[in-house]
Amino acid sequence: MKLIILKAEIMQKLVKLTLMILLFPLSVLAESNQYQPGTPELLVYKHPACGCCKKWVKHIENEGIDVTSKETKKISAIKDKYGIKQNFRSCHTAVSSDGYTFEGHVPAKLIHQFLSESNSNAIGLSVPAMPVGSPGMEVGDKFMPYQVLLLLKDGSSKVYAEINTYEDQF
């Protein structure tokens, strides 16, 4: 009789162990999906007549970022609202659903990178002016190296990335 009870207990433990082995990968998968960021969403403020803004929007859409464009002739007011100083400005301003700003022709790969990091002291990234060869500013095979700046809440900035070749942007 004791042998039958012992066999039944062993069988119960084997069933539990088998279920744990089979279900463990599902629980890990569910946990990993829970923490993966979704598709980034940006609201892009741009002047209605700006062609390079449209090209930049196409670039970031092609790189997996959802975009809503809002045309405005009062673009300076938007930049003021989000604390983008004059020396960091470009032609358009994008704002993430988290409230981070992306000023100018910031490559999509750096937007993805920035949004995957912890940047509690930052307001966003900027590519001041409009460097030739940056996303949306393509002119044949011409390219001008440029810096992507990390804009900090205290109004300062620091270099976030150096883009030395056209290929560095992708």
C-alpha atoms as a PDB file:
ATOM      1  CA  MET A   1       0.000   0.000   0.000  1.00  0.00           C
ATOM      2  CA  LYS A   2       2.835   2.389   0.918  1.00  0.00           C
ATOM      3  CA  LEU A   3       4.417   1.686  -2.460  1.00  0.00           C
ATOM      4  CA  ILE A   4       1.240   2.714  -4.308  1.00  0.00           C
ATOM      5  CA  ILE A   5       0.999   5.962  -2.305  1.00  0.00           C
ATOM      6  CA  LEU A   6       4.692   6.660  -2.944  1.00  0.00           C
ATOM      7  CA  LYS A   7       4.221   6.069  -6.695  1.00  0.00           C
ATOM      8  CA  ALA A   8       1.176   8.388  -6.730  1.00  0.00           C
ATOM      9  CA  GLU A   9       3.162  11.135  -4.952  1.00  0.00           C
ATOM     10  CA  ILE A  10       6.046  10.734  -7.398  1.00  0.00           C
ATOM     11  CA  MET A  11       3.616  10.918 -10.330  1.00  0.00           C
ATOM     12  CA  GLN A  12       2.051  14.120  -8.941  1.00  0.00           C
ATOM     13  CA  LYS A  13       5.489  15.695  -8.584  1.00  0.00           C
ATOM     14  CA  LEU A  14       6.430  14.633 -12.112  1.00  0.00           C
ATOM     15  CA  VAL A  15       3.216  16.144 -13.510  1.00  0.00           C
ATOM     16  CA  LYS A  16       3.878  19.410 -11.641  1.00  0.00           C
ATOM     17  CA  LEU A  17       7.484  19.476 -12.813  1.00  0.00           C
ATOM     18  CA  THR A  18       6.442  18.775 -16.406  1.00  0.00           C
ATOM     19  CA  LEU A  19       3.863  21.566 -16.305  1.00  0.00           C
ATOM     20  CA  MET A  20       6.425  23.970 -14.863  1.00  0.00           C
ATOM     21  CA  ILE A  21       8.906  23.085 -17.607  1.00  0.00           C
ATOM     22  CA  LEU A  22       6.266  23.498 -20.299  1.00  0.00           C
ATOM     23  CA  LEU A  23       4.760  26.730 -18.954  1.00  0.00           C
ATOM     24  CA  PHE A  24       7.978  28.493 -17.888  1.00  0.00           C
ATOM     25  CA  PRO A  25       8.847  29.723 -21.417  1.00  0.00           C
ATOM     26  CA  LEU A  26       5.339  31.207 -21.737  1.00  0.00           C
ATOM     27  CA  SER A  27       5.683  33.131 -18.478  1.00  0.00           C
ATOM     28  CA  VAL A  28       9.095  34.482 -19.519  1.00  0.00           C
ATOM     29  CA  LEU A  29       7.693  35.502 -22.897  1.00  0.00           C
ATOM     30  CA  ALA A  30       4.739  37.254 -21.280  1.00  0.00           C
ATOM     31  CA  GLU A  31       7.088  39.083 -18.914  1.00  0.00           C
ATOM     32  CA  SER A  32       9.434  40.183 -21.692  1.00  0.00           C
ATOM     33  CA  ASN A  33       6.551  41.485 -23.827  1.00  0.00           C
ATOM     34  CA  GLN A  34       5.215  43.433 -20.888  1.00  0.00           C
ATOM     35  CA  TYR A  35       8.331  45.616 -20.750  1.00  0.00           C
ATOM     36  CA  GLN A  36       9.011  46.123 -24.439  1.00  0.00           C
ATOM     37  CA  PRO A  37       8.274  49.632 -25.640  1.00  0.00           C
ATOM     38  CA  GLY A  38       5.605  50.086 -28.271  1.00  0.00           C
ATOM     39  CA  THR A  39       5.946  51.912 -31.529  1.00  0.00           C
ATOM     40  CA  PRO A  40       7.152  55.457 -30.841  1.00  0.00           C
ATOM     41  CA  GLU A  41       4.633  58.174 -31.655  1.00  0.00           C
ATOM     42  CA  LEU A  42       5.588  61.722 -32.563  1.00  0.00           C
ATOM     43  CA  LEU A  43       3.532  64.846 -33.147  1.00  0.00           C
ATOM     44  CA  VAL A  44       5.473  66.902 -35.689  1.00  0.00           C
ATOM     45  CA  TYR A  45       4.916  70.656 -35.831  1.00  0.00           C
ATOM     46  CA  LYS A  46       5.990  72.065 -39.183  1.00  0.00           C
ATOM     47  CA  HIS A  47       5.397  74.988 -41.519  1.00  0.00           C
ATOM     48  CA  PRO A  48       2.880  74.146 -44.296  1.00  0.00           C
ATOM     49  CA  ALA A  49       5.320  75.025 -47.086  1.00  0.00           C
ATOM     50  CA  CYS A  50       8.372  73.146 -45.777  1.00  0.00           C
ATOM     51  CA  GLY A  51       9.441  70.359 -48.143  1.00  0.00           C
ATOM     52  CA  CYS A  52      12.382  69.073 -46.101  1.00  0.00           C
ATOM     53  CA  CYS A  53      10.049  68.506 -43.129  1.00  0.00           C
ATOM     54  CA  LYS A  54       7.909  66.220 -45.280  1.00  0.00           C
ATOM     55  CA  LYS A  55      11.027  64.268 -46.324  1.00  0.00           C
ATOM     56  CA  TRP A  56      12.137  63.937 -42.671  1.00  0.00           C
ATOM     57  CA  VAL A  57       8.675  62.701 -41.668  1.00  0.00           C
ATOM     58  CA  LYS A  58       8.892  60.064 -44.416  1.00  0.00           C
ATOM     59  CA  HIS A  59      12.320  59.010 -43.079  1.00  0.00           C
ATOM     60  CA  ILE A  60      11.089  58.451 -39.533  1.00  0.00           C
ATOM     61  CA  GLU A  61       7.926  56.692 -40.714  1.00  0.00           C
ATOM     62  CA  ASN A  62      10.096  54.344 -42.789  1.00  0.00           C
ATOM     63  CA  GLU A  63      12.059  53.574 -39.614  1.00  0.00           C
ATOM     64  CA  GLY A  64       9.006  52.484 -37.597  1.00  0.00           C
ATOM     65  CA  ILE A  65       7.848  55.687 -35.912  1.00  0.00           C
ATOM     66  CA  ASP A  66       4.183  56.697 -36.034  1.00  0.00           C
ATOM     67  CA  VAL A  67       3.750  60.334 -37.014  1.00  0.00           C
ATOM     68  CA  THR A  68       1.000  62.875 -36.826  1.00  0.00           C
ATOM     69  CA  SER A  69       1.849  66.163 -38.539  1.00  0.00           C
ATOM     70  CA  LYS A  70       0.404  69.476 -37.482  1.00  0.00           C
ATOM     71  CA  GLU A  71       0.990  72.406 -39.765  1.00  0.00           C
ATOM     72  CA  THR A  72       1.419  75.825 -38.185  1.00  0.00           C
ATOM     73  CA  LYS A  73       2.786  79.175 -39.217  1.00  0.00           C
ATOM     74  CA  LYS A  74       3.578  79.902 -35.549  1.00  0.00           C
ATOM     75  CA  ILE A  75       6.437  77.426 -35.232  1.00  0.00           C
ATOM     76  CA  SER A  76       8.467  79.734 -32.951  1.00  0.00           C
ATOM     77  CA  ALA A  77       5.683  79.651 -30.380  1.00  0.00           C
ATOM     78  CA  ILE A  78       5.861  75.836 -30.352  1.00  0.00           C
ATOM     79  CA  LYS A  79       9.627  75.931 -29.813  1.00  0.00           C
ATOM     80  CA  ASP A  80       9.156  78.462 -26.994  1.00  0.00           C
ATOM     81  CA  LYS A  81       6.507  76.252 -25.393  1.00  0.00           C
ATOM     82  CA  TYR A  82       8.885  73.268 -25.290  1.00  0.00           C
ATOM     83  CA  GLY A  83      11.909  75.256 -24.108  1.00  0.00           C
ATOM     84  CA  ILE A  84      14.019  74.982 -27.253  1.00  0.00           C
ATOM     85  CA  LYS A  85      16.531  77.814 -27.189  1.00  0.00           C
ATOM     86  CA  GLN A  86      17.314  79.818 -30.336  1.00  0.00           C
ATOM     87  CA  ASN A  87      20.734  78.206 -30.879  1.00  0.00           C
ATOM     88  CA  PHE A  88      19.212  74.690 -30.890  1.00  0.00           C
ATOM     89  CA  ARG A  89      16.401  75.379 -33.360  1.00  0.00           C
ATOM     90  CA  SER A  90      15.750  74.020 -36.818  1.00  0.00           C
ATOM     91  CA  CYS A  91      12.750  73.946 -39.153  1.00  0.00           C
ATOM     92  CA  HIS A  92      10.414  71.509 -37.355  1.00  0.00           C
ATOM     93  CA  THR A  93       9.755  70.257 -33.841  1.00  0.00           C
ATOM     94  CA  ALA A  94       8.566  66.750 -32.976  1.00  0.00           C
ATOM     95  CA  VAL A  95       7.159  65.819 -29.572  1.00  0.00           C
ATOM     96  CA  SER A  96       6.908  62.246 -28.286  1.00  0.00           C
ATOM     97  CA  SER A  97       3.967  60.919 -26.294  1.00  0.00           C
ATOM     98  CA  ASP A  98       6.320  61.130 -23.261  1.00  0.00           C
ATOM     99  CA  GLY A  99       6.848  64.861 -23.878  1.00  0.00           C
ATOM    100  CA  TYR A 100      10.402  64.640 -25.253  1.00  0.00           C
ATOM    101  CA  THR A 101      11.278  66.946 -28.149  1.00  0.00           C
ATOM    102  CA  PHE A 102      13.205  66.159 -31.306  1.00  0.00           C
ATOM    103  CA  GLU A 103      14.258  69.362 -33.000  1.00  0.00           C
ATOM    104  CA  GLY A 104      15.236  69.325 -36.646  1.00  0.00           C
ATOM    105  CA  HIS A 105      16.639  66.515 -38.731  1.00  0.00           C
ATOM    106  CA  VAL A 106      17.391  63.985 -35.966  1.00  0.00           C
ATOM    107  CA  PRO A 107      17.963  60.505 -37.454  1.00  0.00           C
ATOM    108  CA  ALA A 108      15.272  57.970 -36.558  1.00  0.00           C
ATOM    109  CA  LYS A 109      17.845  55.516 -35.187  1.00  0.00           C
ATOM    110  CA  LEU A 110      18.830  58.097 -32.546  1.00  0.00           C
ATOM    111  CA  ILE A 111      15.193  58.789 -31.665  1.00  0.00           C
ATOM    112  CA  HIS A 112      14.707  55.056 -31.051  1.00  0.00           C
ATOM    113  CA  GLN A 113      17.918  54.933 -29.008  1.00  0.00           C
ATOM    114  CA  PHE A 114      17.009  57.996 -26.925  1.00  0.00           C
ATOM    115  CA  LEU A 115      13.495  56.710 -26.168  1.00  0.00           C
ATOM    116  CA  SER A 116      14.907  53.356 -25.013  1.00  0.00           C
ATOM    117  CA  GLU A 117      17.140  55.066 -22.428  1.00  0.00           C
ATOM    118  CA  SER A 118      16.493  56.837 -19.154  1.00  0.00           C
ATOM    119  CA  ASN A 119      16.811  60.565 -19.796  1.00  0.00           C
ATOM    120  CA  SER A 120      15.134  62.190 -16.810  1.00  0.00           C
ATOM    121  CA  ASN A 121      17.317  65.320 -17.020  1.00  0.00           C
ATOM    122  CA  ALA A 122      16.729  65.874 -20.751  1.00  0.00           C
ATOM    123  CA  ILE A 123      14.068  67.557 -22.850  1.00  0.00           C
ATOM    124  CA  GLY A 124      15.172  65.792 -26.031  1.00  0.00           C
ATOM    125  CA  LEU A 125      17.552  65.862 -28.991  1.00  0.00           C
ATOM    126  CA  SER A 126      18.398  68.538 -31.537  1.00  0.00           C
ATOM    127  CA  VAL A 127      20.140  68.879 -34.866  1.00  0.00           C
ATOM    128  CA  PRO A 128      20.496  72.665 -35.060  1.00  0.00           C
ATOM    129  CA  ALA A 129      20.222  74.342 -38.447  1.00  0.00           C
ATOM    130  CA  MET A 130      19.737  72.056 -41.435  1.00  0.00           C
ATOM    131  CA  PRO A 131      22.909  70.064 -42.265  1.00  0.00           C
ATOM    132  CA  VAL A 132      23.152  68.942 -45.884  1.00  0.00           C
ATOM    133  CA  GLY A 133      22.812  65.175 -46.118  1.00  0.00           C
ATOM    134  CA  SER A 134      20.907  64.738 -42.851  1.00  0.00           C
ATOM    135  CA  PRO A 135      17.564  62.868 -43.128  1.00  0.00           C
ATOM    136  CA  GLY A 136      15.254  65.075 -45.180  1.00  0.00           C
ATOM    137  CA  MET A 137      18.097  67.327 -46.335  1.00  0.00           C
ATOM    138  CA  GLU A 138      19.562  65.036 -48.984  1.00  0.00           C
ATOM    139  CA  VAL A 139      21.140  66.862 -51.936  1.00  0.00           C
ATOM    140  CA  GLY A 140      22.596  64.350 -54.360  1.00  0.00           C
ATOM    141  CA  ASP A 141      25.621  62.704 -52.769  1.00  0.00           C
ATOM    142  CA  LYS A 142      26.591  65.756 -50.701  1.00  0.00           C
ATOM    143  CA  PHE A 143      27.040  65.285 -46.966  1.00  0.00           C
ATOM    144  CA  MET A 144      28.103  67.585 -44.142  1.00  0.00           C
ATOM    145  CA  PRO A 145      29.138  65.945 -40.816  1.00  0.00           C
ATOM    146  CA  TYR A 146      27.079  67.157 -37.866  1.00  0.00           C
ATOM    147  CA  GLN A 147      26.377  66.644 -34.182  1.00  0.00           C
ATOM    148  CA  VAL A 148      23.167  65.585 -32.507  1.00  0.00           C
ATOM    149  CA  LEU A 149      22.792  67.434 -29.226  1.00  0.00           C
ATOM    150  CA  LEU A 150      21.189  66.253 -26.006  1.00  0.00           C
ATOM    151  CA  LEU A 151      19.102  69.152 -24.693  1.00  0.00           C
ATOM    152  CA  LEU A 152      19.027  69.319 -20.908  1.00  0.00           C
ATOM    153  CA  LYS A 153      16.345  70.797 -18.655  1.00  0.00           C
ATOM    154  CA  ASP A 154      18.725  73.434 -17.302  1.00  0.00           C
ATOM    155  CA  GLY A 155      19.029  74.923 -20.822  1.00  0.00           C
ATOM    156  CA  SER A 156      22.450  73.474 -21.578  1.00  0.00           C
ATOM    157  CA  SER A 157      23.361  70.790 -24.086  1.00  0.00           C
ATOM    158  CA  LYS A 158      25.988  68.166 -24.719  1.00  0.00           C
ATOM    159  CA  VAL A 159      26.910  66.081 -27.719  1.00  0.00           C
ATOM    160  CA  TYR A 160      24.738  62.976 -27.906  1.00  0.00           C
ATOM    161  CA  ALA A 161      26.111  61.630 -31.199  1.00  0.00           C
ATOM    162  CA  GLU A 162      28.556  62.554 -33.950  1.00  0.00           C
ATOM    163  CA  ILE A 163      27.381  61.845 -37.467  1.00  0.00           C
ATOM    164  CA  ASN A 164      30.506  61.761 -39.635  1.00  0.00           C
ATOM    165  CA  THR A 165      29.210  59.893 -42.680  1.00  0.00           C
ATOM    166  CA  TYR A 166      25.883  59.509 -44.423  1.00  0.00           C
ATOM    167  CA  GLU A 167      25.808  55.839 -43.350  1.00  0.00           C
ATOM    168  CA  ASP A 168      26.156  56.761 -39.643  1.00  0.00           C
ATOM    169  CA  GLN A 169      22.533  57.938 -39.730  1.00  0.00           C
ATOM    170  CA  PHE A 170      21.064  54.482 -40.318  1.00  0.00           C
END
